[in-house]
Structure formats: C-alpha cells, structure tokens
Amino acid sequence: MLTIGFIGAGTVGTALASSLPPKKYKVLAVHSRTPSSAQKLAQLVHGCQFCQTAQKVADAAELIFITTPDDVISKIASEVDWHEEQDVLHCSGAHSIDILEPARQCGANVGSIHPLQTFASINEAIKNLPGSTFALEADEPLLSRLKELASSLNGRCVELKPGDKVLYHTAAVFVSNYMVTLVKLALDLWKDFGVPAKESTESLLPLLKGTVNNIENIGLPNCLTGPIARGDLGTIDKHLNALKAIGSPLLTTYQELGLQTISIALAKGKIDADRAEELKALLKGQDRK
C-alpha cells in the first residue's frame, strides 16, 4: 500500500485525500499553512495525522502531493529536504514540473497531476472528482503510478509534454470559468426586462444542461443550434440592433462569439460558404448586399 502525504489542505487537496481508495492508498499526514484546514482534512481521512511542518509530511510518506496555491509550490519544493526515490507531485493546471526541480535535485521523482474539474467547494469537489480527466506530466516509473492513481478514481488520463501545460489550462478556463461569465452576461440581459437573478438562473439552467447534454451525446459540430447554425441573418440583425438600442457593452462580445461560431456552423453543413460570408459581414458591422 502506497503511503501518501499532503502539503496543502485546500479544496483540491481535501477532495483528493478524501477520494483515494483506502485499500490502495494510505493517507498518513497533512500540513497546511492554515492549521484548521489541515486538521479538518485529517478528521475526514481515517488514520491521517496533522503535521506542524511540511518537512514532517515529507518524512512520513512515499508520495507527496503539494496542493498549495500555485505561487507557493516552488517555495515548498525548495524548502523541504526530500528523500531519494520519493515521489513529489503538484496539482497546478498551469505550471509544468520544472518548478519541482529542487526536489528532483534531492533525488526525488517529480511529476504533476491536474484534475480537470471545477473545485468550487469541498463537498461538490468530492462529488465531481471521480470520472474526471487527469492531466499527467512525469517520467517513468512515476508516470505509471499516476495513471494507476487516476484509474483508481475512475478517471481518464491525458499525458502532457513540457510546454503543453499553459494552453491546456487556457482551454480549461474557456470551458469552465468563461462559461460562468457567459451565464452572468445572460442574467444581466434578463435584468433588462425585469426578471430577478434567481428566477432567470432557474429558467436558463435547463438550457445550459441541455447544451452540455448535446455536446456529450451528439458532439461537435452537430450539437450547434441557433441562428448562426441556421444562417438566420434576420434574427442576428435583430439581436445586434437590440444590444445597440440599450447601449449594451455586450455588443462586441456577441459579435466576436458569433464570428467564432461561423466555422462550427460551416462544419455542421447547414450553411454554405456564401452564407458564412454574409454572416461575417453582418457581425463585423459591414453593409449587407
């Protein structure tokens, strides 16, 4: 049974520590710069002990997760005296494993495992984590151990090379964070015709869930619906005029997203190249012929 330690007891660390199957992984120790967070994690995981220092965690376990905020990872890596052949991981979505170089110089195996999931709260994170994709960066034999760990969480893996991480994380921001922003922008428009945020959220959620369902079950590009998918110039023109009439700052956002959507509509095959050019002209504010 592999022994595990956590340095950092925030949402990610707590969700991982709570989700690892205890028959395969023994979470022994946790440290956090916020002792109360580490103590809560220790209470959640049977047999896990709160440690006063990061060094004590490193001394206690074979595999150490550094699940601190990103800007603290390199500090932890450089301050701890790691052991030869020990596995040291971080869970940052944006950083490569080069920030763990001090641990590598101590003889440790270094790697990165990033759960491609949203971590808004501990309870929701624990529910969402199983079945997620895990982005891995490591050399063998650690890479195989990380694949096994992801499999134990019913997850799938994607292997990243040095230099891939930033674009990988940028894509995640588009899918997760900016989806939240788009919903907020939609709620703002509903305010303009007098619907409170709670009611508009409840109204839009089935549409949002249906869209995600279509992406999963129909896939791109065929899941695209709406006026650009249909090449409906008149409807798009109405949208643009309505946004102009209320002086909405969302006009340029609508135009840019629309322009990005045209290629999906073309791939779906419901519009031809001529209609695509008309859509581009309309969204760019050019005169229609």
C-alpha atoms as a PDB file:
ATOM      1  CA  MET A   1       0.000   0.000   0.000  1.00  0.00           C
ATOM      2  CA  LEU A   2       1.412   3.357  -1.067  1.00  0.00           C
ATOM      3  CA  THR A   3       1.704   5.930   1.715  1.00  0.00           C
ATOM      4  CA  ILE A   4       0.545   9.453   0.864  1.00  0.00           C
ATOM      5  CA  GLY A   5       1.097  12.902   2.340  1.00  0.00           C
ATOM      6  CA  PHE A   6      -0.449  16.266   1.536  1.00  0.00           C
ATOM      7  CA  ILE A   7       1.176  19.664   1.857  1.00  0.00           C
ATOM      8  CA  GLY A   8      -1.760  21.999   1.435  1.00  0.00           C
ATOM      9  CA  ALA A   9      -5.297  21.265   2.625  1.00  0.00           C
ATOM     10  CA  GLY A  10      -7.498  23.406   0.431  1.00  0.00           C
ATOM     11  CA  THR A  11     -10.324  22.218  -1.768  1.00  0.00           C
ATOM     12  CA  VAL A  12      -8.160  20.217  -4.199  1.00  0.00           C
ATOM     13  CA  GLY A  13      -6.050  18.544  -1.533  1.00  0.00           C
ATOM     14  CA  THR A  14      -9.032  17.667   0.629  1.00  0.00           C
ATOM     15  CA  ALA A  15     -11.017  16.273  -2.312  1.00  0.00           C
ATOM     16  CA  LEU A  16      -8.105  14.104  -3.454  1.00  0.00           C
ATOM     17  CA  ALA A  17      -7.253  12.865   0.035  1.00  0.00           C
ATOM     18  CA  SER A  18     -10.902  12.006   0.710  1.00  0.00           C
ATOM     19  CA  SER A  19     -11.388  10.253  -2.637  1.00  0.00           C
ATOM     20  CA  LEU A  20      -8.339   7.984  -2.830  1.00  0.00           C
ATOM     21  CA  PRO A  21      -9.432   4.378  -2.181  1.00  0.00           C
ATOM     22  CA  PRO A  22      -8.095   3.385   1.265  1.00  0.00           C
ATOM     23  CA  LYS A  23      -7.397  -0.205   0.186  1.00  0.00           C
ATOM     24  CA  LYS A  24      -4.711   1.052  -2.200  1.00  0.00           C
ATOM     25  CA  TYR A  25      -3.546   4.358  -0.715  1.00  0.00           C
ATOM     26  CA  LYS A  26      -2.861   5.238   2.896  1.00  0.00           C
ATOM     27  CA  VAL A  27      -3.067   8.984   3.535  1.00  0.00           C
ATOM     28  CA  LEU A  28      -0.802   9.363   6.566  1.00  0.00           C
ATOM     29  CA  ALA A  29      -0.029  13.035   7.010  1.00  0.00           C
ATOM     30  CA  VAL A  30      -1.144  16.548   6.128  1.00  0.00           C
ATOM     31  CA  HIS A  31       0.262  20.018   6.696  1.00  0.00           C
ATOM     32  CA  SER A  32      -1.168  23.399   5.781  1.00  0.00           C
ATOM     33  CA  ARG A  33      -0.201  26.987   6.459  1.00  0.00           C
ATOM     34  CA  THR A  34      -3.763  27.180   7.834  1.00  0.00           C
ATOM     35  CA  PRO A  35      -3.714  24.565  10.620  1.00  0.00           C
ATOM     36  CA  SER A  36      -7.512  24.385  10.883  1.00  0.00           C
ATOM     37  CA  SER A  37      -7.743  23.276   7.226  1.00  0.00           C
ATOM     38  CA  ALA A  38      -5.203  20.512   7.790  1.00  0.00           C
ATOM     39  CA  GLN A  39      -6.989  19.386  10.941  1.00  0.00           C
ATOM     40  CA  LYS A  40     -10.310  19.185   9.059  1.00  0.00           C
ATOM     41  CA  LEU A  41      -8.687  17.071   6.345  1.00  0.00           C
ATOM     42  CA  ALA A  42      -7.133  14.789   8.969  1.00  0.00           C
ATOM     43  CA  GLN A  43     -10.549  14.292  10.534  1.00  0.00           C
ATOM     44  CA  LEU A  44     -12.073  13.345   7.177  1.00  0.00           C
ATOM     45  CA  VAL A  45      -9.491  10.659   6.344  1.00  0.00           C
ATOM     46  CA  HIS A  46      -9.091   7.743   8.742  1.00  0.00           C
ATOM     47  CA  GLY A  47      -5.539   7.400  10.045  1.00  0.00           C
ATOM     48  CA  CYS A  48      -4.340  10.767   8.723  1.00  0.00           C
ATOM     49  CA  GLN A  49      -2.313  12.900  11.126  1.00  0.00           C
ATOM     50  CA  PHE A  50      -1.930  16.663  11.235  1.00  0.00           C
ATOM     51  CA  CYS A  51       1.721  17.740  10.989  1.00  0.00           C
ATOM     52  CA  GLN A  52       3.127  21.029  12.203  1.00  0.00           C
ATOM     53  CA  THR A  53       5.614  21.307   9.309  1.00  0.00           C
ATOM     54  CA  ALA A  54       5.842  20.353   5.642  1.00  0.00           C
ATOM     55  CA  GLN A  55       9.073  18.523   6.418  1.00  0.00           C
ATOM     56  CA  LYS A  56       7.262  16.093   8.718  1.00  0.00           C
ATOM     57  CA  VAL A  57       4.885  15.213   5.892  1.00  0.00           C
ATOM     58  CA  ALA A  58       7.815  14.628   3.554  1.00  0.00           C
ATOM     59  CA  ASP A  59       9.452  12.382   6.148  1.00  0.00           C
ATOM     60  CA  ALA A  60       6.288  10.342   6.696  1.00  0.00           C
ATOM     61  CA  ALA A  61       5.149   9.280   3.223  1.00  0.00           C
ATOM     62  CA  GLU A  62       6.363   7.837  -0.062  1.00  0.00           C
ATOM     63  CA  LEU A  63       4.274  10.074  -2.333  1.00  0.00           C
ATOM     64  CA  ILE A  64       3.709  13.736  -1.501  1.00  0.00           C
ATOM     65  CA  PHE A  65       1.070  15.971  -3.061  1.00  0.00           C
ATOM     66  CA  ILE A  66       1.854  19.691  -2.961  1.00  0.00           C
ATOM     67  CA  THR A  67      -1.666  21.093  -3.150  1.00  0.00           C
ATOM     68  CA  THR A  68      -0.894  24.654  -2.141  1.00  0.00           C
ATOM     69  CA  PRO A  69      -1.755  27.754  -4.194  1.00  0.00           C
ATOM     70  CA  ASP A  70       0.382  27.867  -7.345  1.00  0.00           C
ATOM     71  CA  ASP A  71       2.644  30.672  -6.156  1.00  0.00           C
ATOM     72  CA  VAL A  72       3.690  28.645  -3.092  1.00  0.00           C
ATOM     73  CA  ILE A  73       4.670  25.408  -4.878  1.00  0.00           C
ATOM     74  CA  SER A  74       8.227  26.393  -5.768  1.00  0.00           C
ATOM     75  CA  LYS A  75       8.794  27.703  -2.225  1.00  0.00           C
ATOM     76  CA  ILE A  76       7.751  24.356  -0.730  1.00  0.00           C
ATOM     77  CA  ALA A  77       9.860  22.470  -3.260  1.00  0.00           C
ATOM     78  CA  SER A  78      12.960  24.423  -2.314  1.00  0.00           C
ATOM     79  CA  GLU A  79      12.496  24.463   1.472  1.00  0.00           C
ATOM     80  CA  VAL A  80      11.836  20.761   2.138  1.00  0.00           C
ATOM     81  CA  ASP A  81      14.604  18.161   2.345  1.00  0.00           C
ATOM     82  CA  TRP A  82      13.225  15.456   0.072  1.00  0.00           C
ATOM     83  CA  HIS A  83      14.269  11.810   0.066  1.00  0.00           C
ATOM     84  CA  GLU A  84      15.768   9.825  -2.789  1.00  0.00           C
ATOM     85  CA  GLU A  85      13.194   7.945  -4.888  1.00  0.00           C
ATOM     86  CA  GLN A  86      10.373   9.741  -3.104  1.00  0.00           C
ATOM     87  CA  ASP A  87       7.524  10.886  -5.403  1.00  0.00           C
ATOM     88  CA  VAL A  88       6.745  14.610  -5.275  1.00  0.00           C
ATOM     89  CA  LEU A  89       3.755  15.967  -7.191  1.00  0.00           C
ATOM     90  CA  HIS A  90       1.999  19.242  -7.695  1.00  0.00           C
ATOM     91  CA  CYS A  91      -1.565  19.699  -8.903  1.00  0.00           C
ATOM     92  CA  SER A  92      -1.278  23.017 -10.726  1.00  0.00           C
ATOM     93  CA  GLY A  93      -3.087  23.319 -14.029  1.00  0.00           C
ATOM     94  CA  ALA A  94      -0.775  25.993 -15.414  1.00  0.00           C
ATOM     95  CA  HIS A  95       2.707  25.044 -14.150  1.00  0.00           C
ATOM     96  CA  SER A  96       4.960  22.370 -15.578  1.00  0.00           C
ATOM     97  CA  ILE A  97       7.118  20.129 -13.409  1.00  0.00           C
ATOM     98  CA  ASP A  98      10.143  22.402 -13.709  1.00  0.00           C
ATOM     99  CA  ILE A  99       9.066  24.216 -10.533  1.00  0.00           C
ATOM    100  CA  LEU A 100       9.820  20.977  -8.661  1.00  0.00           C
ATOM    101  CA  GLU A 101      13.458  20.994  -9.751  1.00  0.00           C
ATOM    102  CA  PRO A 102      14.765  21.379  -6.152  1.00  0.00           C
ATOM    103  CA  ALA A 103      13.019  18.098  -5.263  1.00  0.00           C
ATOM    104  CA  ARG A 104      14.491  16.404  -8.323  1.00  0.00           C
ATOM    105  CA  GLN A 105      17.965  17.545  -7.279  1.00  0.00           C
ATOM    106  CA  CYS A 106      17.406  15.793  -3.933  1.00  0.00           C
ATOM    107  CA  GLY A 107      16.851  12.551  -5.829  1.00  0.00           C
ATOM    108  CA  ALA A 108      13.046  12.554  -5.773  1.00  0.00           C
ATOM    109  CA  ASN A 109      10.835  11.617  -8.701  1.00  0.00           C
ATOM    110  CA  VAL A 110       8.785  14.664  -9.700  1.00  0.00           C
ATOM    111  CA  GLY A 111       5.534  14.952 -11.565  1.00  0.00           C
ATOM    112  CA  SER A 112       2.274  16.770 -11.995  1.00  0.00           C
ATOM    113  CA  ILE A 113      -1.298  15.507 -11.839  1.00  0.00           C
ATOM    114  CA  HIS A 114      -4.034  18.035 -12.513  1.00  0.00           C
ATOM    115  CA  PRO A 115      -7.682  17.041 -12.135  1.00  0.00           C
ATOM    116  CA  LEU A 116      -9.588  18.697 -14.966  1.00  0.00           C
ATOM    117  CA  GLN A 117     -12.505  19.632 -12.767  1.00  0.00           C
ATOM    118  CA  THR A 118     -14.055  22.607 -11.043  1.00  0.00           C
ATOM    119  CA  PHE A 119     -13.405  22.984  -7.305  1.00  0.00           C
ATOM    120  CA  ALA A 120     -15.950  25.481  -6.007  1.00  0.00           C
ATOM    121  CA  SER A 121     -16.430  23.796  -2.625  1.00  0.00           C
ATOM    122  CA  ILE A 122     -15.076  20.721  -0.853  1.00  0.00           C
ATOM    123  CA  ASN A 123     -18.367  18.795  -0.912  1.00  0.00           C
ATOM    124  CA  GLU A 124     -19.002  19.485  -4.593  1.00  0.00           C
ATOM    125  CA  ALA A 125     -15.386  18.723  -5.476  1.00  0.00           C
ATOM    126  CA  ILE A 126     -15.568  15.326  -3.764  1.00  0.00           C
ATOM    127  CA  LYS A 127     -18.720  14.545  -5.770  1.00  0.00           C
ATOM    128  CA  ASN A 128     -17.264  15.792  -9.062  1.00  0.00           C
ATOM    129  CA  LEU A 129     -13.771  14.286  -8.857  1.00  0.00           C
ATOM    130  CA  PRO A 130     -14.495  10.618  -9.754  1.00  0.00           C
ATOM    131  CA  GLY A 131     -14.631  10.197 -13.517  1.00  0.00           C
ATOM    132  CA  SER A 132     -12.643  13.362 -14.244  1.00  0.00           C
ATOM    133  CA  THR A 133      -9.758  13.598 -16.677  1.00  0.00           C
ATOM    134  CA  PHE A 134      -6.309  13.911 -15.092  1.00  0.00           C
ATOM    135  CA  ALA A 135      -3.513  15.692 -16.936  1.00  0.00           C
ATOM    136  CA  LEU A 136      -0.210  13.961 -16.204  1.00  0.00           C
ATOM    137  CA  GLU A 137       3.374  15.072 -16.611  1.00  0.00           C
ATOM    138  CA  ALA A 138       6.102  12.739 -15.312  1.00  0.00           C
ATOM    139  CA  ASP A 139       8.742  10.258 -16.352  1.00  0.00           C
ATOM    140  CA  GLU A 140       8.579   6.546 -15.679  1.00  0.00           C
ATOM    141  CA  PRO A 141       8.127   4.863 -13.278  1.00  0.00           C
ATOM    142  CA  LEU A 142       6.160   7.708 -11.695  1.00  0.00           C
ATOM    143  CA  LEU A 143       4.033   8.166 -14.813  1.00  0.00           C
ATOM    144  CA  SER A 144       2.654   4.642 -14.490  1.00  0.00           C
ATOM    145  CA  ARG A 145       1.880   5.196 -10.816  1.00  0.00           C
ATOM    146  CA  LEU A 146      -0.034   8.348 -11.704  1.00  0.00           C
ATOM    147  CA  LYS A 147      -2.026   6.506 -14.362  1.00  0.00           C
ATOM    148  CA  GLU A 148      -2.944   3.879 -11.780  1.00  0.00           C
ATOM    149  CA  LEU A 149      -3.932   6.585  -9.307  1.00  0.00           C
ATOM    150  CA  ALA A 150      -6.201   8.276 -11.871  1.00  0.00           C
ATOM    151  CA  SER A 151      -7.728   4.899 -12.733  1.00  0.00           C
ATOM    152  CA  SER A 152      -8.478   4.303  -9.054  1.00  0.00           C
ATOM    153  CA  LEU A 153     -10.633   7.464  -9.196  1.00  0.00           C
ATOM    154  CA  ASN A 154     -12.431   6.139 -12.312  1.00  0.00           C
ATOM    155  CA  GLY A 155     -10.673   8.855 -14.267  1.00  0.00           C
ATOM    156  CA  ARG A 156      -9.107   9.045 -17.679  1.00  0.00           C
ATOM    157  CA  CYS A 157      -5.651  10.433 -18.423  1.00  0.00           C
ATOM    158  CA  VAL A 158      -4.062  12.818 -20.853  1.00  0.00           C
ATOM    159  CA  GLU A 159      -0.268  12.924 -20.979  1.00  0.00           C
ATOM    160  CA  LEU A 160       1.307  16.356 -21.407  1.00  0.00           C
ATOM    161  CA  LYS A 161       4.751  17.237 -22.650  1.00  0.00           C
ATOM    162  CA  PRO A 162       6.837  20.132 -21.292  1.00  0.00           C
ATOM    163  CA  GLY A 163       5.339  23.308 -22.714  1.00  0.00           C
ATOM    164  CA  ASP A 164       1.800  21.923 -23.127  1.00  0.00           C
ATOM    165  CA  LYS A 165       0.501  22.978 -19.750  1.00  0.00           C
ATOM    166  CA  VAL A 166      -0.337  26.628 -20.370  1.00  0.00           C
ATOM    167  CA  LEU A 167      -2.509  26.006 -23.440  1.00  0.00           C
ATOM    168  CA  TYR A 168      -4.126  23.034 -21.677  1.00  0.00           C
ATOM    169  CA  HIS A 169      -5.045  25.279 -18.753  1.00  0.00           C
ATOM    170  CA  THR A 170      -6.206  28.083 -21.050  1.00  0.00           C
ATOM    171  CA  ALA A 171      -8.647  25.632 -22.656  1.00  0.00           C
ATOM    172  CA  ALA A 172      -9.957  24.699 -19.214  1.00  0.00           C
ATOM    173  CA  VAL A 173     -10.567  28.372 -18.432  1.00  0.00           C
ATOM    174  CA  PHE A 174     -12.663  28.734 -21.588  1.00  0.00           C
ATOM    175  CA  VAL A 175     -14.801  25.693 -20.768  1.00  0.00           C
ATOM    176  CA  SER A 176     -15.311  26.279 -17.050  1.00  0.00           C
ATOM    177  CA  ASN A 177     -14.591  29.842 -15.936  1.00  0.00           C
ATOM    178  CA  TYR A 178     -15.818  31.657 -19.017  1.00  0.00           C
ATOM    179  CA  MET A 179     -18.989  29.559 -19.120  1.00  0.00           C
ATOM    180  CA  VAL A 180     -19.773  31.108 -15.734  1.00  0.00           C
ATOM    181  CA  THR A 181     -19.080  34.523 -17.234  1.00  0.00           C
ATOM    182  CA  LEU A 182     -21.410  33.836 -20.171  1.00  0.00           C
ATOM    183  CA  VAL A 183     -24.202  32.815 -17.806  1.00  0.00           C
ATOM    184  CA  LYS A 184     -23.659  36.016 -15.823  1.00  0.00           C
ATOM    185  CA  LEU A 185     -23.895  38.063 -19.040  1.00  0.00           C
ATOM    186  CA  ALA A 186     -27.147  36.318 -19.927  1.00  0.00           C
ATOM    187  CA  LEU A 187     -28.548  37.038 -16.467  1.00  0.00           C
ATOM    188  CA  ASP A 188     -27.673  40.707 -16.931  1.00  0.00           C
ATOM    189  CA  LEU A 189     -29.775  40.797 -20.108  1.00  0.00           C
ATOM    190  CA  TRP A 190     -32.723  39.234 -18.280  1.00  0.00           C
ATOM    191  CA  LYS A 191     -32.472  42.062 -15.726  1.00  0.00           C
ATOM    192  CA  ASP A 192     -33.209  44.455 -18.594  1.00  0.00           C
ATOM    193  CA  PHE A 193     -36.706  43.015 -18.919  1.00  0.00           C
ATOM    194  CA  GLY A 194     -37.254  42.801 -15.181  1.00  0.00           C
ATOM    195  CA  VAL A 195     -36.573  39.179 -14.245  1.00  0.00           C
ATOM    196  CA  PRO A 196     -34.708  38.663 -10.946  1.00  0.00           C
ATOM    197  CA  ALA A 197     -31.434  36.727 -10.964  1.00  0.00           C
ATOM    198  CA  LYS A 198     -32.799  33.698  -9.086  1.00  0.00           C
ATOM    199  CA  GLU A 199     -35.697  33.247 -11.498  1.00  0.00           C
ATOM    200  CA  SER A 200     -33.583  33.821 -14.590  1.00  0.00           C
ATOM    201  CA  THR A 201     -30.974  31.339 -13.334  1.00  0.00           C
ATOM    202  CA  GLU A 202     -33.662  28.701 -12.830  1.00  0.00           C
ATOM    203  CA  SER A 203     -35.009  29.437 -16.310  1.00  0.00           C
ATOM    204  CA  LEU A 204     -31.649  29.243 -18.084  1.00  0.00           C
ATOM    205  CA  LEU A 205     -30.233  26.194 -16.285  1.00  0.00           C
ATOM    206  CA  PRO A 206     -32.270  23.612 -18.270  1.00  0.00           C
ATOM    207  CA  LEU A 207     -30.998  25.225 -21.487  1.00  0.00           C
ATOM    208  CA  LEU A 208     -27.431  25.079 -20.202  1.00  0.00           C
ATOM    209  CA  LYS A 209     -27.784  21.448 -19.132  1.00  0.00           C
ATOM    210  CA  GLY A 210     -29.385  20.564 -22.466  1.00  0.00           C
ATOM    211  CA  THR A 211     -26.475  22.137 -24.315  1.00  0.00           C
ATOM    212  CA  VAL A 212     -23.944  20.132 -22.285  1.00  0.00           C
ATOM    213  CA  ASN A 213     -26.014  17.000 -22.924  1.00  0.00           C
ATOM    214  CA  ASN A 214     -25.943  17.664 -26.673  1.00  0.00           C
ATOM    215  CA  ILE A 215     -22.177  18.200 -26.631  1.00  0.00           C
ATOM    216  CA  GLU A 216     -21.782  14.851 -24.858  1.00  0.00           C
ATOM    217  CA  ASN A 217     -24.230  12.821 -26.906  1.00  0.00           C
ATOM    218  CA  ILE A 218     -24.212  14.470 -30.347  1.00  0.00           C
ATOM    219  CA  GLY A 219     -20.783  16.119 -30.335  1.00  0.00           C
ATOM    220  CA  LEU A 220     -19.304  18.993 -32.272  1.00  0.00           C
ATOM    221  CA  PRO A 221     -20.220  20.362 -34.771  1.00  0.00           C
ATOM    222  CA  ASN A 222     -23.682  18.755 -34.924  1.00  0.00           C
ATOM    223  CA  CYS A 223     -24.683  19.908 -31.428  1.00  0.00           C
ATOM    224  CA  LEU A 224     -24.652  23.555 -32.534  1.00  0.00           C
ATOM    225  CA  THR A 225     -28.106  25.106 -32.741  1.00  0.00           C
ATOM    226  CA  GLY A 226     -29.397  28.678 -33.022  1.00  0.00           C
ATOM    227  CA  PRO A 227     -29.406  31.433 -35.622  1.00  0.00           C
ATOM    228  CA  ILE A 228     -25.793  31.109 -36.787  1.00  0.00           C
ATOM    229  CA  ALA A 229     -26.210  27.348 -37.235  1.00  0.00           C
ATOM    230  CA  ARG A 230     -29.256  28.133 -39.394  1.00  0.00           C
ATOM    231  CA  GLY A 231     -27.703  31.121 -41.167  1.00  0.00           C
ATOM    232  CA  ASP A 232     -30.580  33.251 -39.900  1.00  0.00           C
ATOM    233  CA  LEU A 233     -29.387  36.742 -40.793  1.00  0.00           C
ATOM    234  CA  GLY A 234     -32.628  38.449 -39.811  1.00  0.00           C
ATOM    235  CA  THR A 235     -32.581  37.120 -36.242  1.00  0.00           C
ATOM    236  CA  ILE A 236     -28.931  38.017 -35.759  1.00  0.00           C
ATOM    237  CA  ASP A 237     -29.606  41.506 -37.092  1.00  0.00           C
ATOM    238  CA  LYS A 238     -32.393  41.890 -34.506  1.00  0.00           C
ATOM    239  CA  HIS A 239     -30.037  40.783 -31.732  1.00  0.00           C
ATOM    240  CA  LEU A 240     -27.413  43.305 -32.775  1.00  0.00           C
ATOM    241  CA  ASN A 241     -29.945  46.128 -33.007  1.00  0.00           C
ATOM    242  CA  ALA A 242     -31.418  45.268 -29.600  1.00  0.00           C
ATOM    243  CA  LEU A 243     -27.989  45.380 -27.966  1.00  0.00           C
ATOM    244  CA  LYS A 244     -27.251  48.695 -29.690  1.00  0.00           C
ATOM    245  CA  ALA A 245     -30.589  50.137 -28.540  1.00  0.00           C
ATOM    246  CA  ILE A 246     -29.836  49.558 -24.856  1.00  0.00           C
ATOM    247  CA  GLY A 247     -26.208  50.625 -25.234  1.00  0.00           C
ATOM    248  CA  SER A 248     -25.045  47.227 -24.053  1.00  0.00           C
ATOM    249  CA  PRO A 249     -21.298  46.599 -23.731  1.00  0.00           C
ATOM    250  CA  LEU A 250     -22.129  43.011 -24.733  1.00  0.00           C
ATOM    251  CA  LEU A 251     -22.460  44.029 -28.386  1.00  0.00           C
ATOM    252  CA  THR A 252     -18.800  43.415 -29.177  1.00  0.00           C
ATOM    253  CA  THR A 253     -18.829  40.169 -27.164  1.00  0.00           C
ATOM    254  CA  TYR A 254     -21.823  38.937 -29.171  1.00  0.00           C
ATOM    255  CA  GLN A 255     -20.107  39.864 -32.427  1.00  0.00           C
ATOM    256  CA  GLU A 256     -16.834  38.126 -31.547  1.00  0.00           C
ATOM    257  CA  LEU A 257     -18.506  34.953 -30.313  1.00  0.00           C
ATOM    258  CA  GLY A 258     -20.681  34.928 -33.397  1.00  0.00           C
ATOM    259  CA  LEU A 259     -17.664  35.183 -35.674  1.00  0.00           C
ATOM    260  CA  GLN A 260     -16.038  32.276 -33.832  1.00  0.00           C
ATOM    261  CA  THR A 261     -19.238  30.234 -34.251  1.00  0.00           C
ATOM    262  CA  ILE A 262     -19.449  30.520 -38.038  1.00  0.00           C
ATOM    263  CA  SER A 263     -16.791  27.869 -38.648  1.00  0.00           C
ATOM    264  CA  ILE A 264     -18.755  25.416 -36.471  1.00  0.00           C
ATOM    265  CA  ALA A 265     -21.912  26.119 -38.480  1.00  0.00           C
ATOM    266  CA  LEU A 266     -19.994  25.523 -41.712  1.00  0.00           C
ATOM    267  CA  ALA A 267     -18.655  22.236 -40.394  1.00  0.00           C
ATOM    268  CA  LYS A 268     -22.187  21.184 -39.473  1.00  0.00           C
ATOM    269  CA  GLY A 269     -23.141  21.697 -43.105  1.00  0.00           C
ATOM    270  CA  LYS A 270     -26.310  23.726 -42.616  1.00  0.00           C
ATOM    271  CA  ILE A 271     -24.855  26.870 -44.185  1.00  0.00           C
ATOM    272  CA  ASP A 272     -22.692  27.296 -47.265  1.00  0.00           C
ATOM    273  CA  ALA A 273     -19.653  29.490 -47.859  1.00  0.00           C
ATOM    274  CA  ASP A 274     -21.725  32.348 -49.286  1.00  0.00           C
ATOM    275  CA  ARG A 275     -23.992  32.479 -46.239  1.00  0.00           C
ATOM    276  CA  ALA A 276     -20.926  32.300 -43.991  1.00  0.00           C
ATOM    277  CA  GLU A 277     -19.540  35.410 -45.681  1.00  0.00           C
ATOM    278  CA  GLU A 278     -22.862  37.208 -45.201  1.00  0.00           C
ATOM    279  CA  LEU A 279     -22.806  36.279 -41.514  1.00  0.00           C
ATOM    280  CA  LYS A 280     -19.256  37.586 -41.155  1.00  0.00           C
ATOM    281  CA  ALA A 281     -20.173  40.883 -42.820  1.00  0.00           C
ATOM    282  CA  LEU A 282     -23.222  41.319 -40.585  1.00  0.00           C
ATOM    283  CA  LEU A 283     -21.318  40.565 -37.388  1.00  0.00           C
ATOM    284  CA  LYS A 284     -18.500  42.889 -38.396  1.00  0.00           C
ATOM    285  CA  GLY A 285     -20.980  45.700 -38.949  1.00  0.00           C
ATOM    286  CA  GLN A 286     -20.443  45.844 -42.710  1.00  0.00           C
ATOM    287  CA  ASP A 287     -23.233  46.749 -45.135  1.00  0.00           C
ATOM    288  CA  ARG A 288     -25.201  43.767 -46.403  1.00  0.00           C
ATOM    289  CA  LYS A 289     -25.500  43.414 -50.154  1.00  0.00           C
END
